Amino acid sequence: DKGDHWLVNGQKIWTSYADASDWIFVLVRTDSKAKKHDGISFILIDMASPGVSTRPIKLISGKSPFCE
């Protein structure tokens, strides 16, 4: 928590059509001292935010419906 915003880092994988999305929902740990299933928040992130990128995951068929 940076006061007026969250600093999110990490990787989200097997996200359907992330390369065509404007926004993405992520579950992030926001309280490291909470019990295992507590302290998690659901955040909406603008895909145009600095540091956000996508990379298609090619399937054996050659299609790429998923991204990381």
N, C-alpha and C. Protein backbone atom coordinates (compact mmCIF):
# COMPACT_ATOMS: atom_id res chain seq x y z
N ASP A 1 0.85 -1.18 0.00
CA ASP A 1 0.00 0.00 0.00
C ASP A 1 0.89 1.23 0.00
N LYS A 2 0.75 2.06 -1.01
CA LYS A 2 1.56 3.27 -1.14
C LYS A 2 0.75 4.52 -0.80
N GLY A 3 -0.30 4.38 0.01
CA GLY A 3 -1.13 5.51 0.38
C GLY A 3 -2.31 5.67 -0.54
N ASP A 4 -2.07 6.12 -1.76
CA ASP A 4 -3.17 6.34 -2.70
C ASP A 4 -3.19 5.33 -3.83
N HIS A 5 -2.27 4.34 -3.80
CA HIS A 5 -2.24 3.30 -4.83
C HIS A 5 -1.52 2.06 -4.31
N TRP A 6 -1.68 0.96 -5.00
CA TRP A 6 -0.99 -0.29 -4.66
C TRP A 6 0.15 -0.51 -5.64
N LEU A 7 1.24 -1.05 -5.16
CA LEU A 7 2.34 -1.48 -6.00
C LEU A 7 2.17 -2.98 -6.19
N VAL A 8 1.87 -3.39 -7.41
CA VAL A 8 1.62 -4.81 -7.72
C VAL A 8 2.79 -5.34 -8.53
N ASN A 9 3.37 -6.46 -8.09
CA ASN A 9 4.42 -7.10 -8.88
C ASN A 9 4.14 -8.60 -8.93
N GLY A 10 4.69 -9.25 -9.90
CA GLY A 10 4.46 -10.67 -10.06
C GLY A 10 4.03 -11.00 -11.47
N GLN A 11 3.48 -12.19 -11.64
CA GLN A 11 3.11 -12.68 -12.96
C GLN A 11 1.75 -13.36 -12.89
N LYS A 12 0.93 -13.11 -13.88
CA LYS A 12 -0.36 -13.79 -14.02
C LYS A 12 -0.28 -14.58 -15.32
N ILE A 13 -0.60 -15.87 -15.27
CA ILE A 13 -0.43 -16.73 -16.44
C ILE A 13 -1.75 -17.43 -16.77
N TRP A 14 -1.88 -17.87 -18.02
CA TRP A 14 -3.07 -18.54 -18.56
C TRP A 14 -4.29 -17.62 -18.48
N THR A 15 -4.09 -16.35 -18.84
CA THR A 15 -5.16 -15.37 -18.85
C THR A 15 -5.73 -15.29 -20.27
N SER A 16 -7.00 -15.62 -20.41
CA SER A 16 -7.64 -15.66 -21.73
C SER A 16 -7.72 -14.27 -22.36
N TYR A 17 -7.18 -14.15 -23.56
CA TYR A 17 -7.27 -12.94 -24.39
C TYR A 17 -6.82 -11.66 -23.67
N ALA A 18 -5.82 -11.77 -22.81
CA ALA A 18 -5.31 -10.59 -22.11
C ALA A 18 -4.75 -9.56 -23.09
N ASP A 19 -4.24 -10.03 -24.23
CA ASP A 19 -3.66 -9.11 -25.22
C ASP A 19 -4.73 -8.25 -25.90
N ALA A 20 -6.00 -8.61 -25.75
CA ALA A 20 -7.09 -7.83 -26.35
C ALA A 20 -7.90 -7.09 -25.27
N SER A 21 -7.45 -7.16 -24.03
CA SER A 21 -8.20 -6.58 -22.91
C SER A 21 -7.71 -5.18 -22.57
N ASP A 22 -8.64 -4.36 -22.09
CA ASP A 22 -8.30 -3.02 -21.61
C ASP A 22 -8.05 -3.02 -20.10
N TRP A 23 -8.69 -3.97 -19.40
CA TRP A 23 -8.59 -4.08 -17.94
C TRP A 23 -8.41 -5.54 -17.56
N ILE A 24 -7.84 -5.78 -16.37
CA ILE A 24 -7.68 -7.14 -15.88
C ILE A 24 -7.93 -7.16 -14.37
N PHE A 25 -8.63 -8.20 -13.92
CA PHE A 25 -8.84 -8.41 -12.49
C PHE A 25 -7.73 -9.30 -11.96
N VAL A 26 -7.18 -8.97 -10.80
CA VAL A 26 -6.16 -9.81 -10.17
C VAL A 26 -6.47 -9.96 -8.69
N LEU A 27 -6.13 -11.12 -8.15
CA LEU A 27 -6.19 -11.36 -6.71
C LEU A 27 -4.78 -11.18 -6.19
N VAL A 28 -4.60 -10.29 -5.23
CA VAL A 28 -3.26 -10.00 -4.71
C VAL A 28 -3.24 -10.07 -3.19
N ARG A 29 -2.11 -10.48 -2.65
CA ARG A 29 -1.96 -10.51 -1.20
C ARG A 29 -1.66 -9.09 -0.74
N THR A 30 -2.54 -8.56 0.12
CA THR A 30 -2.37 -7.20 0.61
C THR A 30 -2.06 -7.15 2.11
N ASP A 31 -2.09 -8.31 2.76
CA ASP A 31 -1.74 -8.39 4.19
C ASP A 31 -0.90 -9.64 4.41
N SER A 32 0.40 -9.47 4.46
CA SER A 32 1.30 -10.62 4.59
C SER A 32 1.24 -11.28 5.96
N LYS A 33 0.64 -10.60 6.94
CA LYS A 33 0.55 -11.15 8.30
C LYS A 33 -0.75 -11.90 8.54
N ALA A 34 -1.68 -11.83 7.60
CA ALA A 34 -2.98 -12.50 7.75
C ALA A 34 -2.84 -13.99 7.50
N LYS A 35 -3.85 -14.76 7.93
CA LYS A 35 -3.87 -16.19 7.68
C LYS A 35 -3.85 -16.44 6.17
N LYS A 36 -3.50 -17.67 5.79
CA LYS A 36 -3.28 -18.04 4.39
C LYS A 36 -4.37 -17.55 3.43
N HIS A 37 -5.63 -17.72 3.78
CA HIS A 37 -6.72 -17.37 2.87
C HIS A 37 -7.31 -15.99 3.14
N ASP A 38 -6.78 -15.31 4.13
CA ASP A 38 -7.20 -13.94 4.41
C ASP A 38 -6.15 -12.99 3.84
N GLY A 39 -6.42 -11.71 3.89
CA GLY A 39 -5.44 -10.74 3.43
C GLY A 39 -5.25 -10.70 1.94
N ILE A 40 -6.28 -11.13 1.19
CA ILE A 40 -6.22 -11.11 -0.27
C ILE A 40 -7.24 -10.11 -0.78
N SER A 41 -6.85 -9.29 -1.75
CA SER A 41 -7.75 -8.28 -2.32
C SER A 41 -7.93 -8.52 -3.82
N PHE A 42 -9.09 -8.12 -4.31
CA PHE A 42 -9.47 -8.25 -5.71
C PHE A 42 -9.29 -6.86 -6.33
N ILE A 43 -8.35 -6.70 -7.25
CA ILE A 43 -8.00 -5.39 -7.80
C ILE A 43 -8.21 -5.37 -9.31
N LEU A 44 -8.71 -4.25 -9.81
CA LEU A 44 -8.89 -4.03 -11.24
C LEU A 44 -7.72 -3.17 -11.73
N ILE A 45 -6.99 -3.65 -12.75
CA ILE A 45 -5.81 -2.95 -13.25
C ILE A 45 -6.01 -2.57 -14.71
N ASP A 46 -5.70 -1.33 -15.05
CA ASP A 46 -5.72 -0.84 -16.43
C ASP A 46 -4.53 -1.46 -17.16
N MET A 47 -4.78 -2.15 -18.26
CA MET A 47 -3.71 -2.81 -19.01
C MET A 47 -2.73 -1.81 -19.64
N ALA A 48 -3.10 -0.53 -19.69
CA ALA A 48 -2.22 0.50 -20.23
C ALA A 48 -1.31 1.09 -19.15
N SER A 49 -1.39 0.57 -17.92
CA SER A 49 -0.57 1.08 -16.82
C SER A 49 0.90 0.79 -17.08
N PRO A 50 1.79 1.69 -16.63
CA PRO A 50 3.22 1.45 -16.79
C PRO A 50 3.63 0.13 -16.14
N GLY A 51 4.44 -0.65 -16.85
CA GLY A 51 4.93 -1.92 -16.32
C GLY A 51 4.07 -3.13 -16.61
N VAL A 52 2.86 -2.91 -17.13
CA VAL A 52 1.98 -4.03 -17.47
C VAL A 52 2.25 -4.45 -18.91
N SER A 53 2.49 -5.74 -19.11
CA SER A 53 2.75 -6.24 -20.46
C SER A 53 2.09 -7.61 -20.62
N THR A 54 1.91 -8.02 -21.86
CA THR A 54 1.36 -9.35 -22.15
C THR A 54 2.26 -10.07 -23.14
N ARG A 55 2.22 -11.39 -23.05
CA ARG A 55 2.96 -12.23 -23.99
C ARG A 55 2.09 -13.43 -24.30
N PRO A 56 1.73 -13.64 -25.57
CA PRO A 56 0.90 -14.78 -25.94
C PRO A 56 1.60 -16.11 -25.63
N ILE A 57 0.81 -17.11 -25.21
CA ILE A 57 1.31 -18.47 -25.00
C ILE A 57 0.80 -19.31 -26.16
N LYS A 58 1.70 -19.74 -27.02
CA LYS A 58 1.30 -20.54 -28.19
C LYS A 58 0.97 -21.97 -27.78
N LEU A 59 -0.16 -22.45 -28.27
CA LEU A 59 -0.55 -23.83 -28.06
C LEU A 59 0.01 -24.68 -29.19
N ILE A 60 -0.05 -25.99 -29.07
CA ILE A 60 0.46 -26.89 -30.10
C ILE A 60 -0.26 -26.67 -31.43
N SER A 61 -1.50 -26.16 -31.35
CA SER A 61 -2.28 -25.88 -32.57
C SER A 61 -1.79 -24.63 -33.29
N GLY A 62 -0.94 -23.85 -32.62
CA GLY A 62 -0.45 -22.60 -33.20
C GLY A 62 -1.26 -21.39 -32.76
N LYS A 63 -2.43 -21.63 -32.15
CA LYS A 63 -3.26 -20.53 -31.67
C LYS A 63 -2.73 -20.02 -30.33
N SER A 64 -3.12 -18.79 -29.99
CA SER A 64 -2.66 -18.18 -28.74
C SER A 64 -3.82 -17.52 -27.99
N PRO A 65 -4.79 -18.30 -27.50
CA PRO A 65 -5.90 -17.69 -26.78
C PRO A 65 -5.54 -17.28 -25.35
N PHE A 66 -4.36 -17.72 -24.87
CA PHE A 66 -3.95 -17.41 -23.51
C PHE A 66 -2.68 -16.56 -23.52
N CYS A 67 -2.51 -15.79 -22.45
CA CYS A 67 -1.33 -14.93 -22.32
C CYS A 67 -0.78 -15.04 -20.91
N GLU A 68 0.42 -14.51 -20.77
CA GLU A 68 0.98 -14.30 -19.44
C GLU A 68 1.42 -12.87 -19.35
